[in-house]
Amino acid sequence: MEEALGESYRIFEDNLSKTETVVLTGGNFGEKFAEKLSRNKFSLTNTKFILSDERLSCADNKKNSFLIFKKFKKMGFYERNFFYDFYDEKLVDQYGGLFDFDNTSLDICFLSIGDDGHIAGHFSNSINITSFLSKTNNSPKPPKNRISLRLDYLSKARIIIVLAIGSEKKKALEDFIEDKNKESRILRNHKKLFLISDCLV
């Protein structure tokens, strides 16, 4: 995890001068990367951070938005940046405005592969509900209700970083590399994709 965080941070820092909007995954990596970001010594004023997905119908302290925002707020990072999270199936920033999906380009996108092959909160049974959101009410992993940015929307990012950390993700990673997962194909064929993993395939 430490090596994955370090490499991800290096890619982020190398592209910082051209970065205004960052998509950040939830889960273990998202929390740790948020903490690493919040300790930065360089300016990120007005950089926008958007969650890639959220767990619905669960306790607030289990939600990605709570866990990541807690890291940002603890370090004072929140006061210098915009943080957009999910609330009642909408992306709403903590300042009360709606994120403008149609007129904002994504610069760097951090995503994680699940051990069942899902990426972000997009599962094989997710359905598109807007031009940028997908949702499932029957996730194979609890909680059942998940919402995510659509994979085709995420594929528009200038840089995509896909992480598969943990030996339990080896099969999912193999399927991604061998292009067996048709849903993630649009990310797999991205022209500027970084794949970071500790799984030997």
C-alpha atoms as a PDB file:
ATOM      1  CA  MET A   1       0.000   0.000   0.000  1.00  0.00           C
ATOM      2  CA  GLU A   2       2.802   2.426   0.874  1.00  0.00           C
ATOM      3  CA  GLU A   3       4.473   1.883  -2.489  1.00  0.00           C
ATOM      4  CA  ALA A   4       1.141   2.295  -4.301  1.00  0.00           C
ATOM      5  CA  LEU A   5       0.489   5.530  -2.410  1.00  0.00           C
ATOM      6  CA  GLY A   6       3.968   6.800  -3.221  1.00  0.00           C
ATOM      7  CA  GLU A   7       3.706   6.040  -6.934  1.00  0.00           C
ATOM      8  CA  SER A   8       0.193   7.488  -7.155  1.00  0.00           C
ATOM      9  CA  TYR A   9       1.332  10.628  -5.386  1.00  0.00           C
ATOM     10  CA  ARG A  10       4.305  10.950  -7.761  1.00  0.00           C
ATOM     11  CA  ILE A  11       2.002  10.810 -10.797  1.00  0.00           C
ATOM     12  CA  PHE A  12      -0.295  13.349  -9.162  1.00  0.00           C
ATOM     13  CA  GLU A  13       2.573  15.707  -8.324  1.00  0.00           C
ATOM     14  CA  ASP A  14       4.130  15.387 -11.812  1.00  0.00           C
ATOM     15  CA  ASN A  15       0.857  16.521 -13.373  1.00  0.00           C
ATOM     16  CA  LEU A  16      -0.153  19.076 -10.755  1.00  0.00           C
ATOM     17  CA  SER A  17       0.384  22.142 -12.929  1.00  0.00           C
ATOM     18  CA  LYS A  18      -2.306  20.883 -15.347  1.00  0.00           C
ATOM     19  CA  THR A  19      -4.701  19.549 -12.718  1.00  0.00           C
ATOM     20  CA  GLU A  20      -7.906  21.275 -11.656  1.00  0.00           C
ATOM     21  CA  THR A  21     -10.293  18.340 -11.121  1.00  0.00           C
ATOM     22  CA  VAL A  22      -9.437  15.037  -9.434  1.00  0.00           C
ATOM     23  CA  VAL A  23     -11.670  11.979  -9.083  1.00  0.00           C
ATOM     24  CA  LEU A  24     -10.847  10.050  -5.924  1.00  0.00           C
ATOM     25  CA  THR A  25     -11.873   6.482  -5.150  1.00  0.00           C
ATOM     26  CA  GLY A  26     -13.197   5.488  -1.745  1.00  0.00           C
ATOM     27  CA  GLY A  27     -12.137   2.488   0.285  1.00  0.00           C
ATOM     28  CA  ASN A  28      -8.814   1.880   1.972  1.00  0.00           C
ATOM     29  CA  PHE A  29      -6.711   3.511  -0.738  1.00  0.00           C
ATOM     30  CA  GLY A  30      -8.971   6.564  -0.978  1.00  0.00           C
ATOM     31  CA  GLU A  31      -8.746   7.196   2.759  1.00  0.00           C
ATOM     32  CA  LYS A  32      -4.974   6.839   2.870  1.00  0.00           C
ATOM     33  CA  PHE A  33      -4.441   8.959  -0.250  1.00  0.00           C
ATOM     34  CA  ALA A  34      -6.725  11.669   1.153  1.00  0.00           C
ATOM     35  CA  GLU A  35      -4.596  11.749   4.287  1.00  0.00           C
ATOM     36  CA  LYS A  36      -1.406  11.957   2.220  1.00  0.00           C
ATOM     37  CA  LEU A  37      -2.870  14.782   0.136  1.00  0.00           C
ATOM     38  CA  SER A  38      -3.935  16.694   3.213  1.00  0.00           C
ATOM     39  CA  ARG A  39      -0.339  16.764   4.438  1.00  0.00           C
ATOM     40  CA  ASN A  40       1.002  18.250   1.186  1.00  0.00           C
ATOM     41  CA  LYS A  41       3.356  21.178   1.163  1.00  0.00           C
ATOM     42  CA  PHE A  42       2.334  22.549  -2.240  1.00  0.00           C
ATOM     43  CA  SER A  43      -0.651  24.691  -3.108  1.00  0.00           C
ATOM     44  CA  LEU A  44      -3.880  23.029  -4.206  1.00  0.00           C
ATOM     45  CA  THR A  45      -6.058  26.092  -3.841  1.00  0.00           C
ATOM     46  CA  ASN A  46      -9.331  25.700  -5.782  1.00  0.00           C
ATOM     47  CA  THR A  47      -8.500  22.144  -6.854  1.00  0.00           C
ATOM     48  CA  LYS A  48     -11.755  20.203  -7.057  1.00  0.00           C
ATOM     49  CA  PHE A  49     -11.993  16.673  -5.643  1.00  0.00           C
ATOM     50  CA  ILE A  50     -14.913  14.415  -6.559  1.00  0.00           C
ATOM     51  CA  LEU A  51     -15.727  11.007  -5.120  1.00  0.00           C
ATOM     52  CA  SER A  52     -15.981   8.268  -7.741  1.00  0.00           C
ATOM     53  CA  ASP A  53     -18.643   6.332  -5.854  1.00  0.00           C
ATOM     54  CA  GLU A  54     -20.648   6.026  -2.672  1.00  0.00           C
ATOM     55  CA  ARG A  55     -22.279   3.395  -0.493  1.00  0.00           C
ATOM     56  CA  LEU A  56     -25.945   4.201   0.043  1.00  0.00           C
ATOM     57  CA  SER A  57     -28.327   2.858   2.708  1.00  0.00           C
ATOM     58  CA  CYS A  58     -25.633   2.465   5.326  1.00  0.00           C
ATOM     59  CA  ALA A  59     -24.517   4.331   8.432  1.00  0.00           C
ATOM     60  CA  ASP A  60     -23.011   7.733   7.702  1.00  0.00           C
ATOM     61  CA  ASN A  61     -19.686   6.746   9.294  1.00  0.00           C
ATOM     62  CA  LYS A  62     -19.376   3.912   6.750  1.00  0.00           C
ATOM     63  CA  LYS A  63     -19.768   6.179   3.732  1.00  0.00           C
ATOM     64  CA  ASN A  64     -16.808   7.136   1.564  1.00  0.00           C
ATOM     65  CA  SER A  65     -17.752  10.799   1.807  1.00  0.00           C
ATOM     66  CA  PHE A  66     -17.577  10.725   5.615  1.00  0.00           C
ATOM     67  CA  LEU A  67     -14.291   8.818   5.765  1.00  0.00           C
ATOM     68  CA  ILE A  68     -12.466  10.952   3.208  1.00  0.00           C
ATOM     69  CA  PHE A  69     -13.908  14.279   4.302  1.00  0.00           C
ATOM     70  CA  LYS A  70     -12.820  13.450   7.856  1.00  0.00           C
ATOM     71  CA  LYS A  71      -9.206  13.222   6.655  1.00  0.00           C
ATOM     72  CA  PHE A  72      -9.436  16.470   4.690  1.00  0.00           C
ATOM     73  CA  LYS A  73     -11.098  18.373   7.507  1.00  0.00           C
ATOM     74  CA  LYS A  74      -8.719  17.118  10.197  1.00  0.00           C
ATOM     75  CA  MET A  75      -5.712  18.531   8.362  1.00  0.00           C
ATOM     76  CA  GLY A  76      -7.373  21.802   7.367  1.00  0.00           C
ATOM     77  CA  PHE A  77      -7.305  20.700   3.735  1.00  0.00           C
ATOM     78  CA  TYR A  78     -11.015  21.317   3.284  1.00  0.00           C
ATOM     79  CA  GLU A  79     -10.700  25.057   3.860  1.00  0.00           C
ATOM     80  CA  ARG A  80      -8.419  25.371   0.819  1.00  0.00           C
ATOM     81  CA  ASN A  81     -10.247  23.164  -1.678  1.00  0.00           C
ATOM     82  CA  PHE A  82     -13.601  22.081  -3.025  1.00  0.00           C
ATOM     83  CA  PHE A  83     -14.768  18.594  -2.084  1.00  0.00           C
ATOM     84  CA  TYR A  84     -17.769  17.085  -3.886  1.00  0.00           C
ATOM     85  CA  ASP A  85     -19.513  14.046  -2.470  1.00  0.00           C
ATOM     86  CA  PHE A  86     -22.691  12.030  -2.875  1.00  0.00           C
ATOM     87  CA  TYR A  87     -25.852  12.967  -1.042  1.00  0.00           C
ATOM     88  CA  ASP A  88     -29.247  11.520  -1.942  1.00  0.00           C
ATOM     89  CA  GLU A  89     -27.955  10.414  -5.343  1.00  0.00           C
ATOM     90  CA  LYS A  90     -26.617  13.825  -6.268  1.00  0.00           C
ATOM     91  CA  LEU A  91     -23.103  15.163  -6.224  1.00  0.00           C
ATOM     92  CA  VAL A  92     -23.281  18.185  -3.961  1.00  0.00           C
ATOM     93  CA  ASP A  93     -20.315  20.125  -2.699  1.00  0.00           C
ATOM     94  CA  GLN A  94     -19.932  21.126   0.905  1.00  0.00           C
ATOM     95  CA  TYR A  95     -20.497  24.767  -0.095  1.00  0.00           C
ATOM     96  CA  GLY A  96     -23.979  23.992  -1.349  1.00  0.00           C
ATOM     97  CA  GLY A  97     -23.623  24.151  -5.150  1.00  0.00           C
ATOM     98  CA  LEU A  98     -23.979  21.453  -7.787  1.00  0.00           C
ATOM     99  CA  PHE A  99     -20.928  20.256  -9.642  1.00  0.00           C
ATOM    100  CA  ASP A 100     -21.081  21.180 -13.329  1.00  0.00           C
ATOM    101  CA  PHE A 101     -20.462  17.847 -15.049  1.00  0.00           C
ATOM    102  CA  ASP A 102     -21.223  19.064 -18.537  1.00  0.00           C
ATOM    103  CA  ASN A 103     -18.685  21.885 -18.538  1.00  0.00           C
ATOM    104  CA  THR A 104     -15.868  20.557 -16.372  1.00  0.00           C
ATOM    105  CA  SER A 105     -13.156  18.269 -17.695  1.00  0.00           C
ATOM    106  CA  LEU A 106     -11.612  15.578 -15.488  1.00  0.00           C
ATOM    107  CA  ASP A 107      -7.838  15.673 -15.141  1.00  0.00           C
ATOM    108  CA  ILE A 108      -6.740  12.772 -12.936  1.00  0.00           C
ATOM    109  CA  CYS A 109      -8.923   9.846 -11.947  1.00  0.00           C
ATOM    110  CA  PHE A 110      -7.962   7.361  -9.187  1.00  0.00           C
ATOM    111  CA  LEU A 111      -9.982   4.136  -9.337  1.00  0.00           C
ATOM    112  CA  SER A 112      -9.797   0.784  -7.585  1.00  0.00           C
ATOM    113  CA  ILE A 113     -10.640  -2.712  -8.822  1.00  0.00           C
ATOM    114  CA  GLY A 114     -12.714  -4.832  -6.435  1.00  0.00           C
ATOM    115  CA  ASP A 115     -11.952  -8.514  -5.930  1.00  0.00           C
ATOM    116  CA  ASP A 116     -15.088  -9.336  -7.949  1.00  0.00           C
ATOM    117  CA  GLY A 117     -13.923  -7.099 -10.819  1.00  0.00           C
ATOM    118  CA  HIS A 118     -16.083  -4.044 -10.155  1.00  0.00           C
ATOM    119  CA  ILE A 119     -14.477  -0.638 -10.588  1.00  0.00           C
ATOM    120  CA  ALA A 120     -15.390   2.258  -8.320  1.00  0.00           C
ATOM    121  CA  GLY A 121     -19.035   1.555  -7.378  1.00  0.00           C
ATOM    122  CA  HIS A 122     -19.947   0.299 -10.848  1.00  0.00           C
ATOM    123  CA  PHE A 123     -20.995  -3.371 -10.852  1.00  0.00           C
ATOM    124  CA  SER A 124     -22.094  -5.657 -13.681  1.00  0.00           C
ATOM    125  CA  ASN A 125     -25.736  -5.047 -12.738  1.00  0.00           C
ATOM    126  CA  SER A 126     -25.418  -1.265 -12.418  1.00  0.00           C
ATOM    127  CA  ILE A 127     -27.705   0.765 -14.660  1.00  0.00           C
ATOM    128  CA  ASN A 128     -27.150   4.246 -16.015  1.00  0.00           C
ATOM    129  CA  ILE A 129     -29.464   6.789 -14.398  1.00  0.00           C
ATOM    130  CA  THR A 130     -28.026  10.031 -15.803  1.00  0.00           C
ATOM    131  CA  SER A 131     -25.392  10.967 -18.362  1.00  0.00           C
ATOM    132  CA  PHE A 132     -22.743  10.647 -15.644  1.00  0.00           C
ATOM    133  CA  LEU A 133     -24.151   8.390 -12.873  1.00  0.00           C
ATOM    134  CA  SER A 134     -24.892   4.677 -12.580  1.00  0.00           C
ATOM    135  CA  LYS A 135     -26.598   2.843  -9.732  1.00  0.00           C
ATOM    136  CA  THR A 136     -27.310  -0.628  -8.399  1.00  0.00           C
ATOM    137  CA  ASN A 137     -29.734  -1.753  -5.692  1.00  0.00           C
ATOM    138  CA  ASN A 138     -28.293  -5.275  -5.649  1.00  0.00           C
ATOM    139  CA  SER A 139     -24.552  -5.074  -5.206  1.00  0.00           C
ATOM    140  CA  PRO A 140     -22.852  -8.458  -4.718  1.00  0.00           C
ATOM    141  CA  LYS A 141     -21.048  -6.837  -1.794  1.00  0.00           C
ATOM    142  CA  PRO A 142     -22.840  -5.053   1.056  1.00  0.00           C
ATOM    143  CA  PRO A 143     -24.295  -2.539   1.250  1.00  0.00           C
ATOM    144  CA  LYS A 144     -26.627  -3.436  -1.609  1.00  0.00           C
ATOM    145  CA  ASN A 145     -27.265   0.130  -2.785  1.00  0.00           C
ATOM    146  CA  ARG A 146     -24.342   1.794  -4.584  1.00  0.00           C
ATOM    147  CA  ILE A 147     -23.990   4.824  -6.826  1.00  0.00           C
ATOM    148  CA  SER A 148     -21.027   5.609  -9.061  1.00  0.00           C
ATOM    149  CA  LEU A 149     -19.777   7.844 -11.791  1.00  0.00           C
ATOM    150  CA  ARG A 150     -20.309   6.023 -15.072  1.00  0.00           C
ATOM    151  CA  LEU A 151     -17.267   4.312 -16.538  1.00  0.00           C
ATOM    152  CA  ASP A 152     -17.740   6.015 -19.901  1.00  0.00           C
ATOM    153  CA  TYR A 153     -17.818   9.357 -18.100  1.00  0.00           C
ATOM    154  CA  LEU A 154     -14.670   8.525 -16.127  1.00  0.00           C
ATOM    155  CA  SER A 155     -12.944   7.462 -19.340  1.00  0.00           C
ATOM    156  CA  LYS A 156     -12.936  11.117 -20.417  1.00  0.00           C
ATOM    157  CA  ALA A 157     -10.308  11.921 -17.778  1.00  0.00           C
ATOM    158  CA  ARG A 158      -6.910  12.996 -19.075  1.00  0.00           C
ATOM    159  CA  ILE A 159      -5.105  10.490 -16.821  1.00  0.00           C
ATOM    160  CA  ILE A 160      -6.546   7.339 -15.237  1.00  0.00           C
ATOM    161  CA  ILE A 161      -4.840   5.427 -12.423  1.00  0.00           C
ATOM    162  CA  VAL A 162      -6.287   1.991 -11.672  1.00  0.00           C
ATOM    163  CA  LEU A 163      -5.236   0.254  -8.460  1.00  0.00           C
ATOM    164  CA  ALA A 164      -5.467  -3.421  -7.527  1.00  0.00           C
ATOM    165  CA  ILE A 165      -3.899  -3.862  -4.100  1.00  0.00           C
ATOM    166  CA  GLY A 166      -4.120  -7.250  -2.365  1.00  0.00           C
ATOM    167  CA  SER A 167      -3.687 -10.839  -3.555  1.00  0.00           C
ATOM    168  CA  GLU A 168      -7.465 -11.360  -3.493  1.00  0.00           C
ATOM    169  CA  LYS A 169      -7.674  -9.077  -6.527  1.00  0.00           C
ATOM    170  CA  LYS A 170      -5.349 -11.131  -8.728  1.00  0.00           C
ATOM    171  CA  LYS A 171      -8.126 -12.752 -10.808  1.00  0.00           C
ATOM    172  CA  ALA A 172      -9.934  -9.438 -11.287  1.00  0.00           C
ATOM    173  CA  LEU A 173      -6.665  -7.824 -12.337  1.00  0.00           C
ATOM    174  CA  GLU A 174      -5.942 -10.627 -14.832  1.00  0.00           C
ATOM    175  CA  ASP A 175      -9.383 -10.165 -16.368  1.00  0.00           C
ATOM    176  CA  PHE A 176      -8.799  -6.422 -16.642  1.00  0.00           C
ATOM    177  CA  ILE A 177      -5.383  -6.833 -18.293  1.00  0.00           C
ATOM    178  CA  GLU A 178      -6.625  -9.547 -20.656  1.00  0.00           C
ATOM    179  CA  ASP A 179      -9.631  -7.392 -21.548  1.00  0.00           C
ATOM    180  CA  LYS A 180     -12.178 -10.002 -20.423  1.00  0.00           C
ATOM    181  CA  ASN A 181     -14.382  -7.523 -18.625  1.00  0.00           C
ATOM    182  CA  LYS A 182     -16.386  -5.769 -21.329  1.00  0.00           C
ATOM    183  CA  GLU A 183     -17.672  -3.122 -18.923  1.00  0.00           C
ATOM    184  CA  SER A 184     -14.189  -1.893 -17.986  1.00  0.00           C
ATOM    185  CA  ARG A 185     -12.894  -2.092 -21.580  1.00  0.00           C
ATOM    186  CA  ILE A 186     -13.380   1.626 -22.079  1.00  0.00           C
ATOM    187  CA  LEU A 187     -10.933   2.260 -19.224  1.00  0.00           C
ATOM    188  CA  ARG A 188      -8.591  -0.580 -20.219  1.00  0.00           C
ATOM    189  CA  ASN A 189      -8.061   1.038 -23.637  1.00  0.00           C
ATOM    190  CA  HIS A 190      -7.492   4.565 -22.314  1.00  0.00           C
ATOM    191  CA  LYS A 191      -4.504   6.245 -23.963  1.00  0.00           C
ATOM    192  CA  LYS A 192      -2.973   7.379 -20.655  1.00  0.00           C
ATOM    193  CA  LEU A 193      -3.657   4.589 -18.170  1.00  0.00           C
ATOM    194  CA  PHE A 194      -1.458   3.737 -15.180  1.00  0.00           C
ATOM    195  CA  LEU A 195      -2.004   0.345 -13.551  1.00  0.00           C
ATOM    196  CA  ILE A 196      -0.609  -0.064 -10.032  1.00  0.00           C
ATOM    197  CA  SER A 197      -0.745  -3.446  -8.314  1.00  0.00           C
ATOM    198  CA  ASP A 198       1.101  -5.808  -6.014  1.00  0.00           C
ATOM    199  CA  CYS A 199      -0.403  -8.863  -7.746  1.00  0.00           C
ATOM    200  CA  LEU A 200       1.823 -10.900 -10.019  1.00  0.00           C
ATOM    201  CA  VAL A 201      -0.021 -11.881 -13.214  1.00  0.00           C
END
